[in-house]
C-alpha atoms as a PDB file:
ATOM      1  CA  MET A   1     -80.709  40.790 -98.079  1.00  0.00           C
ATOM      2  CA  ASN A   2     -78.655  37.687 -97.444  1.00  0.00           C
ATOM      3  CA  PRO A   3     -78.790  35.340-100.477  1.00  0.00           C
ATOM      4  CA  VAL A   4     -79.486  32.316 -98.253  1.00  0.00           C
ATOM      5  CA  MET A   5     -81.803  33.855 -95.687  1.00  0.00           C
ATOM      6  CA  ASN A   6     -84.956  35.790 -96.343  1.00  0.00           C
ATOM      7  CA  ALA A   7     -84.120  38.374 -93.652  1.00  0.00           C
ATOM      8  CA  PRO A   8     -81.223  40.832 -93.589  1.00  0.00           C
ATOM      9  CA  LEU A   9     -78.408  40.222 -91.115  1.00  0.00           C
ATOM     10  CA  TRP A  10     -79.400  43.325 -89.128  1.00  0.00           C
ATOM     11  CA  VAL A  11     -82.619  41.435 -88.296  1.00  0.00           C
ATOM     12  CA  ALA A  12     -81.288  37.878 -88.102  1.00  0.00           C
ATOM     13  CA  VAL A  13     -78.366  38.404 -85.725  1.00  0.00           C
ATOM     14  CA  PRO A  14     -80.097  40.327 -82.902  1.00  0.00           C
ATOM     15  CA  MET A  15     -83.265  38.239 -83.191  1.00  0.00           C
ATOM     16  CA  ALA A  16     -81.284  34.983 -83.043  1.00  0.00           C
ATOM     17  CA  ALA A  17     -79.346  36.279 -80.024  1.00  0.00           C
ATOM     18  CA  LEU A  18     -82.635  37.189 -78.335  1.00  0.00           C
ATOM     19  CA  VAL A  19     -84.269  33.787 -78.793  1.00  0.00           C
ATOM     20  CA  VAL A  20     -81.118  31.870 -77.820  1.00  0.00           C
ATOM     21  CA  LEU A  21     -80.755  33.886 -74.597  1.00  0.00           C
ATOM     22  CA  ALA A  22     -84.486  33.591 -73.835  1.00  0.00           C
ATOM     23  CA  ALA A  23     -84.522  29.834 -74.458  1.00  0.00           C
ATOM     24  CA  GLY A  24     -81.502  29.394 -72.195  1.00  0.00           C
ATOM     25  CA  ALA A  25     -83.152  31.372 -69.418  1.00  0.00           C
ATOM     26  CA  ASP A  26     -86.465  29.539 -69.865  1.00  0.00           C
ATOM     27  CA  VAL A  27     -84.808  26.120 -69.721  1.00  0.00           C
ATOM     28  CA  ARG A  28     -82.832  27.046 -66.599  1.00  0.00           C
ATOM     29  CA  THR A  29     -85.423  29.021 -64.634  1.00  0.00           C
ATOM     30  CA  ARG A  30     -88.749  28.556 -66.480  1.00  0.00           C
ATOM     31  CA  LYS A  31     -88.896  32.348 -66.765  1.00  0.00           C
ATOM     32  CA  ILE A  32     -88.058  34.772 -69.540  1.00  0.00           C
ATOM     33  CA  PRO A  33     -86.763  37.991 -67.981  1.00  0.00           C
ATOM     34  CA  ASN A  34     -88.420  41.315 -68.797  1.00  0.00           C
ATOM     35  CA  VAL A  35     -84.948  42.848 -68.888  1.00  0.00           C
ATOM     36  CA  LEU A  36     -84.422  40.768 -72.041  1.00  0.00           C
ATOM     37  CA  THR A  37     -87.785  41.078 -73.800  1.00  0.00           C
ATOM     38  CA  GLY A  38     -88.543  44.758 -73.142  1.00  0.00           C
ATOM     39  CA  PRO A  39     -85.337  46.244 -74.548  1.00  0.00           C
ATOM     40  CA  ALA A  40     -85.342  43.736 -77.430  1.00  0.00           C
ATOM     41  CA  LEU A  41     -88.859  44.786 -78.421  1.00  0.00           C
ATOM     42  CA  LEU A  42     -88.020  48.499 -78.273  1.00  0.00           C
ATOM     43  CA  LEU A  43     -84.747  47.971 -80.142  1.00  0.00           C
ATOM     44  CA  GLY A  44     -86.566  46.030 -82.870  1.00  0.00           C
ATOM     45  CA  LEU A  45     -89.058  48.856 -83.358  1.00  0.00           C
ATOM     46  CA  ALA A  46     -86.329  51.529 -83.243  1.00  0.00           C
ATOM     47  CA  THR A  47     -84.060  49.675 -85.662  1.00  0.00           C
ATOM     48  CA  HIS A  48     -86.835  49.192 -88.205  1.00  0.00           C
ATOM     49  CA  PHE A  49     -87.664  52.901 -87.864  1.00  0.00           C
ATOM     50  CA  ALA A  50     -84.010  53.932 -88.284  1.00  0.00           C
ATOM     51  CA  ILE A  51     -83.548  51.794 -91.387  1.00  0.00           C
ATOM     52  CA  GLY A  52     -86.999  51.894 -92.961  1.00  0.00           C
ATOM     53  CA  GLY A  53     -88.556  55.091 -91.649  1.00  0.00           C
ATOM     54  CA  TRP A  54     -92.264  55.148 -90.800  1.00  0.00           C
ATOM     55  CA  THR A  55     -92.963  52.267 -93.182  1.00  0.00           C
ATOM     56  CA  GLY A  56     -90.363  50.135 -91.406  1.00  0.00           C
ATOM     57  CA  PHE A  57     -91.754  51.105 -88.019  1.00  0.00           C
ATOM     58  CA  GLN A  58     -95.335  50.294 -89.072  1.00  0.00           C
ATOM     59  CA  SER A  59     -94.264  46.892 -90.378  1.00  0.00           C
ATOM     60  CA  SER A  60     -92.364  46.180 -87.157  1.00  0.00           C
ATOM     61  CA  PHE A  61     -95.222  47.415 -84.960  1.00  0.00           C
ATOM     62  CA  THR A  62     -97.730  45.294 -86.890  1.00  0.00           C
ATOM     63  CA  GLY A  63     -95.464  42.250 -86.521  1.00  0.00           C
ATOM     64  CA  MET A  64     -95.205  42.883 -82.775  1.00  0.00           C
ATOM     65  CA  LEU A  65     -98.978  43.208 -82.392  1.00  0.00           C
ATOM     66  CA  ILE A  66     -99.825  40.144 -84.469  1.00  0.00           C
ATOM     67  CA  ALA A  67     -97.223  37.879 -82.860  1.00  0.00           C
ATOM     68  CA  GLY A  68     -98.155  38.944 -79.334  1.00  0.00           C
ATOM     69  CA  ALA A  69    -101.909  38.854 -79.982  1.00  0.00           C
ATOM     70  CA  ILE A  70    -101.833  35.316 -81.343  1.00  0.00           C
ATOM     71  CA  LEU A  71    -100.188  34.033 -78.147  1.00  0.00           C
ATOM     72  CA  LEU A  72    -102.212  36.220 -75.779  1.00  0.00           C
ATOM     73  CA  PRO A  73    -105.139  33.744 -75.462  1.00  0.00           C
ATOM     74  CA  GLY A  74    -102.639  31.070 -74.387  1.00  0.00           C
ATOM     75  CA  TRP A  75    -101.584  33.266 -71.501  1.00  0.00           C
ATOM     76  CA  LEU A  76    -105.182  34.162 -70.633  1.00  0.00           C
ATOM     77  CA  MET A  77    -106.035  30.437 -70.519  1.00  0.00           C
ATOM     78  CA  ARG A  78    -102.902  29.860 -68.370  1.00  0.00           C
ATOM     79  CA  TRP A  79    -101.362  27.538 -70.937  1.00  0.00           C
ATOM     80  CA  MET A  80     -98.200  29.646 -71.102  1.00  0.00           C
ATOM     81  CA  GLY A  81     -96.479  32.393 -69.222  1.00  0.00           C
ATOM     82  CA  ALA A  82     -96.542  36.108 -69.960  1.00  0.00           C
ATOM     83  CA  GLY A  83     -92.829  35.946 -70.784  1.00  0.00           C
ATOM     84  CA  ASP A  84     -93.621  33.712 -73.750  1.00  0.00           C
ATOM     85  CA  VAL A  85     -96.082  36.289 -75.097  1.00  0.00           C
ATOM     86  CA  LYS A  86     -93.620  39.153 -74.562  1.00  0.00           C
ATOM     87  CA  LEU A  87     -90.837  37.168 -76.218  1.00  0.00           C
ATOM     88  CA  MET A  88     -93.012  36.433 -79.237  1.00  0.00           C
ATOM     89  CA  ALA A  89     -94.002  40.115 -79.461  1.00  0.00           C
ATOM     90  CA  ALA A  90     -90.319  41.110 -79.416  1.00  0.00           C
ATOM     91  CA  VAL A  91     -89.544  38.539 -82.102  1.00  0.00           C
ATOM     92  CA  GLY A  92     -92.486  39.909 -84.093  1.00  0.00           C
ATOM     93  CA  ALA A  93     -91.001  43.399 -83.852  1.00  0.00           C
ATOM     94  CA  TRP A  94     -87.742  42.098 -85.316  1.00  0.00           C
ATOM     95  CA  LEU A  95     -89.284  39.918 -88.036  1.00  0.00           C
ATOM     96  CA  ALA A  96     -91.891  42.619 -88.885  1.00  0.00           C
ATOM     97  CA  TRP A  97     -95.011  41.989 -90.942  1.00  0.00           C
ATOM     98  CA  PRO A  98     -95.505  39.456 -92.615  1.00  0.00           C
ATOM     99  CA  GLY A  99     -92.458  37.567 -91.325  1.00  0.00           C
ATOM    100  CA  ALA A 100     -93.821  37.764 -87.777  1.00  0.00           C
ATOM    101  CA  LEU A 101     -96.886  35.765 -88.792  1.00  0.00           C
ATOM    102  CA  ILE A 102     -94.676  33.012 -90.186  1.00  0.00           C
ATOM    103  CA  GLY A 103     -92.574  33.127 -87.020  1.00  0.00           C
ATOM    104  CA  VAL A 104     -95.513  32.790 -84.634  1.00  0.00           C
ATOM    105  CA  LEU A 105     -97.210  30.037 -86.669  1.00  0.00           C
ATOM    106  CA  ALA A 106     -93.939  28.109 -86.946  1.00  0.00           C
ATOM    107  CA  SER A 107     -93.406  28.571 -83.191  1.00  0.00           C
ATOM    108  CA  LEU A 108     -96.856  27.161 -82.467  1.00  0.00           C
ATOM    109  CA  ALA A 109     -96.149  24.176 -84.730  1.00  0.00           C
ATOM    110  CA  ALA A 110     -92.798  23.602 -82.996  1.00  0.00           C
ATOM    111  CA  GLY A 111     -94.563  23.924 -79.645  1.00  0.00           C
ATOM    112  CA  GLY A 112     -96.976  21.180 -80.686  1.00  0.00           C
ATOM    113  CA  VAL A 113     -94.121  18.848 -81.553  1.00  0.00           C
ATOM    114  CA  ILE A 114     -92.286  19.643 -78.311  1.00  0.00           C
ATOM    115  CA  ALA A 115     -95.513  19.131 -76.323  1.00  0.00           C
ATOM    116  CA  ILE A 116     -95.973  15.669 -77.830  1.00  0.00           C
ATOM    117  CA  VAL A 117     -92.371  14.746 -77.010  1.00  0.00           C
ATOM    118  CA  TYR A 118     -92.790  16.011 -73.427  1.00  0.00           C
ATOM    119  CA  ALA A 119     -96.110  14.162 -73.043  1.00  0.00           C
ATOM    120  CA  ILE A 120     -94.541  10.900 -74.219  1.00  0.00           C
ATOM    121  CA  ARG A 121     -91.473  11.418 -72.027  1.00  0.00           C
ATOM    122  CA  HIS A 122     -93.612  12.098 -68.936  1.00  0.00           C
ATOM    123  CA  ARG A 123     -96.103   9.335 -69.800  1.00  0.00           C
ATOM    124  CA  VAL A 124     -99.107  11.638 -70.042  1.00  0.00           C
ATOM    125  CA  LEU A 125     -99.832  11.403 -73.765  1.00  0.00           C
ATOM    126  CA  LEU A 126    -103.240   9.687 -73.377  1.00  0.00           C
ATOM    127  CA  PRO A 127    -104.558  12.104 -70.708  1.00  0.00           C
ATOM    128  CA  THR A 128    -103.240  14.982 -72.801  1.00  0.00           C
ATOM    129  CA  MET A 129    -104.996  13.727 -75.931  1.00  0.00           C
ATOM    130  CA  PHE A 130    -108.203  13.275 -73.914  1.00  0.00           C
ATOM    131  CA  GLY A 131    -107.867  16.883 -72.763  1.00  0.00           C
ATOM    132  CA  VAL A 132    -107.407  18.061 -76.353  1.00  0.00           C
ATOM    133  CA  VAL A 133    -110.546  16.182 -77.427  1.00  0.00           C
ATOM    134  CA  THR A 134    -112.480  17.588 -74.459  1.00  0.00           C
ATOM    135  CA  LEU A 135    -111.413  21.133 -75.286  1.00  0.00           C
ATOM    136  CA  GLY A 136    -112.237  20.601 -78.956  1.00  0.00           C
ATOM    137  CA  ALA A 137    -115.690  19.317 -78.064  1.00  0.00           C
ATOM    138  CA  TRP A 138    -116.250  22.316 -75.777  1.00  0.00           C
ATOM    139  CA  THR A 139    -115.198  24.655 -78.585  1.00  0.00           C
ATOM    140  CA  LEU A 140    -117.514  23.053 -81.138  1.00  0.00           C
ATOM    141  CA  SER A 141    -120.474  22.712 -78.770  1.00  0.00           C
ATOM    142  CA  ARG A 142    -123.204  25.295 -79.198  1.00  0.00           C
ATOM    143  CA  GLY A 143    -124.255  24.973 -75.557  1.00  0.00           C
ATOM    144  CA  THR A 144    -121.099  26.493 -74.080  1.00  0.00           C
ATOM    145  CA  ARG A 145    -121.759  30.151 -74.722  1.00  0.00           C
ATOM    146  CA  GLY A 146    -120.830  32.085 -71.630  1.00  0.00           C
ATOM    147  CA  MET A 147    -119.309  29.041 -69.932  1.00  0.00           C
ATOM    148  CA  ALA A 148    -115.645  28.813 -69.043  1.00  0.00           C
ATOM    149  CA  PRO A 149    -113.655  26.184 -70.912  1.00  0.00           C
ATOM    150  CA  PRO A 150    -112.856  22.966 -69.085  1.00  0.00           C
ATOM    151  CA  ILE A 151    -109.496  22.744 -67.369  1.00  0.00           C
ATOM    152  CA  VAL A 152    -107.555  20.266 -69.451  1.00  0.00           C
ATOM    153  CA  THR A 153    -103.979  20.164 -68.275  1.00  0.00           C
ATOM    154  CA  SER A 154    -101.705  17.208 -67.704  1.00  0.00           C
ATOM    155  CA  GLY A 155     -99.660  19.311 -65.313  1.00  0.00           C
ATOM    156  CA  VAL A 156     -96.562  18.880 -67.487  1.00  0.00           C
ATOM    157  CA  ARG A 157     -95.133  22.169 -68.737  1.00  0.00           C
ATOM    158  CA  PHE A 158     -92.216  22.831 -71.017  1.00  0.00           C
ATOM    159  CA  PRO A 159     -90.141  25.930 -71.775  1.00  0.00           C
ATOM    160  CA  PHE A 160     -92.050  27.422 -74.723  1.00  0.00           C
ATOM    161  CA  ALA A 161     -89.078  29.649 -75.587  1.00  0.00           C
ATOM    162  CA  LEU A 162     -87.594  26.536 -77.219  1.00  0.00           C
ATOM    163  CA  ALA A 163     -90.518  26.554 -79.643  1.00  0.00           C
ATOM    164  CA  VAL A 164     -90.083  30.300 -80.232  1.00  0.00           C
ATOM    165  CA  LEU A 165     -86.404  29.657 -80.947  1.00  0.00           C
ATOM    166  CA  ALA A 166     -87.229  26.993 -83.543  1.00  0.00           C
ATOM    167  CA  GLY A 167     -90.083  28.928 -85.150  1.00  0.00           C
ATOM    168  CA  SER A 168     -88.193  32.208 -85.292  1.00  0.00           C
ATOM    169  CA  ILE A 169     -85.106  30.699 -86.885  1.00  0.00           C
ATOM    170  CA  PHE A 170     -87.344  28.876 -89.371  1.00  0.00           C
ATOM    171  CA  ALA A 171     -89.008  32.198 -90.256  1.00  0.00           C
ATOM    172  CA  LEU A 172     -85.648  33.643 -91.291  1.00  0.00           C
ATOM    173  CA  TRP A 173     -85.567  31.291 -94.271  1.00  0.00           C
ATOM    174  CA  VAL A 174     -89.204  31.342 -95.406  1.00  0.00           C
ATOM    175  CA  ARG A 175     -90.308  33.940 -97.922  1.00  0.00           C
ATOM    176  CA  PRO A 176     -93.565  35.596 -96.849  1.00  0.00           C
END
């Protein structure tokens, strides 16, 4: 264990390389390549197995499932791309349980901050806030069972891998 970080270097270095490469690709092309996320996910699982045996693998697999599952509704609602979910699952495999939970929650918080900055920059903050209130009201309303949620997009999208980069690096220093 590194005395400064909460994660060992064998986790921190490959995970940091993954999120830096993914963020660069997402900024340039608005896509996160499968050739990056797939091998990274498998390598995270295999590395945890090689170092920690079945316990390490289970922790890594749980981290992968939790991190991917938390972002999955965002993809289903078309708020983010599948590459974002796969990237977060790969990061979860590297951070393992419970570090993956910290990583995904920190990524979502960073995504919120980045979304506000993008909304201000593109002058859509008020319509975006109205959409958030509309979605919140739909969620809290008892009369919406079985109804699809309202479409509440400003049309402005940002590379979510930047948020995953920030949240994942943050998770390296937080003790679960």
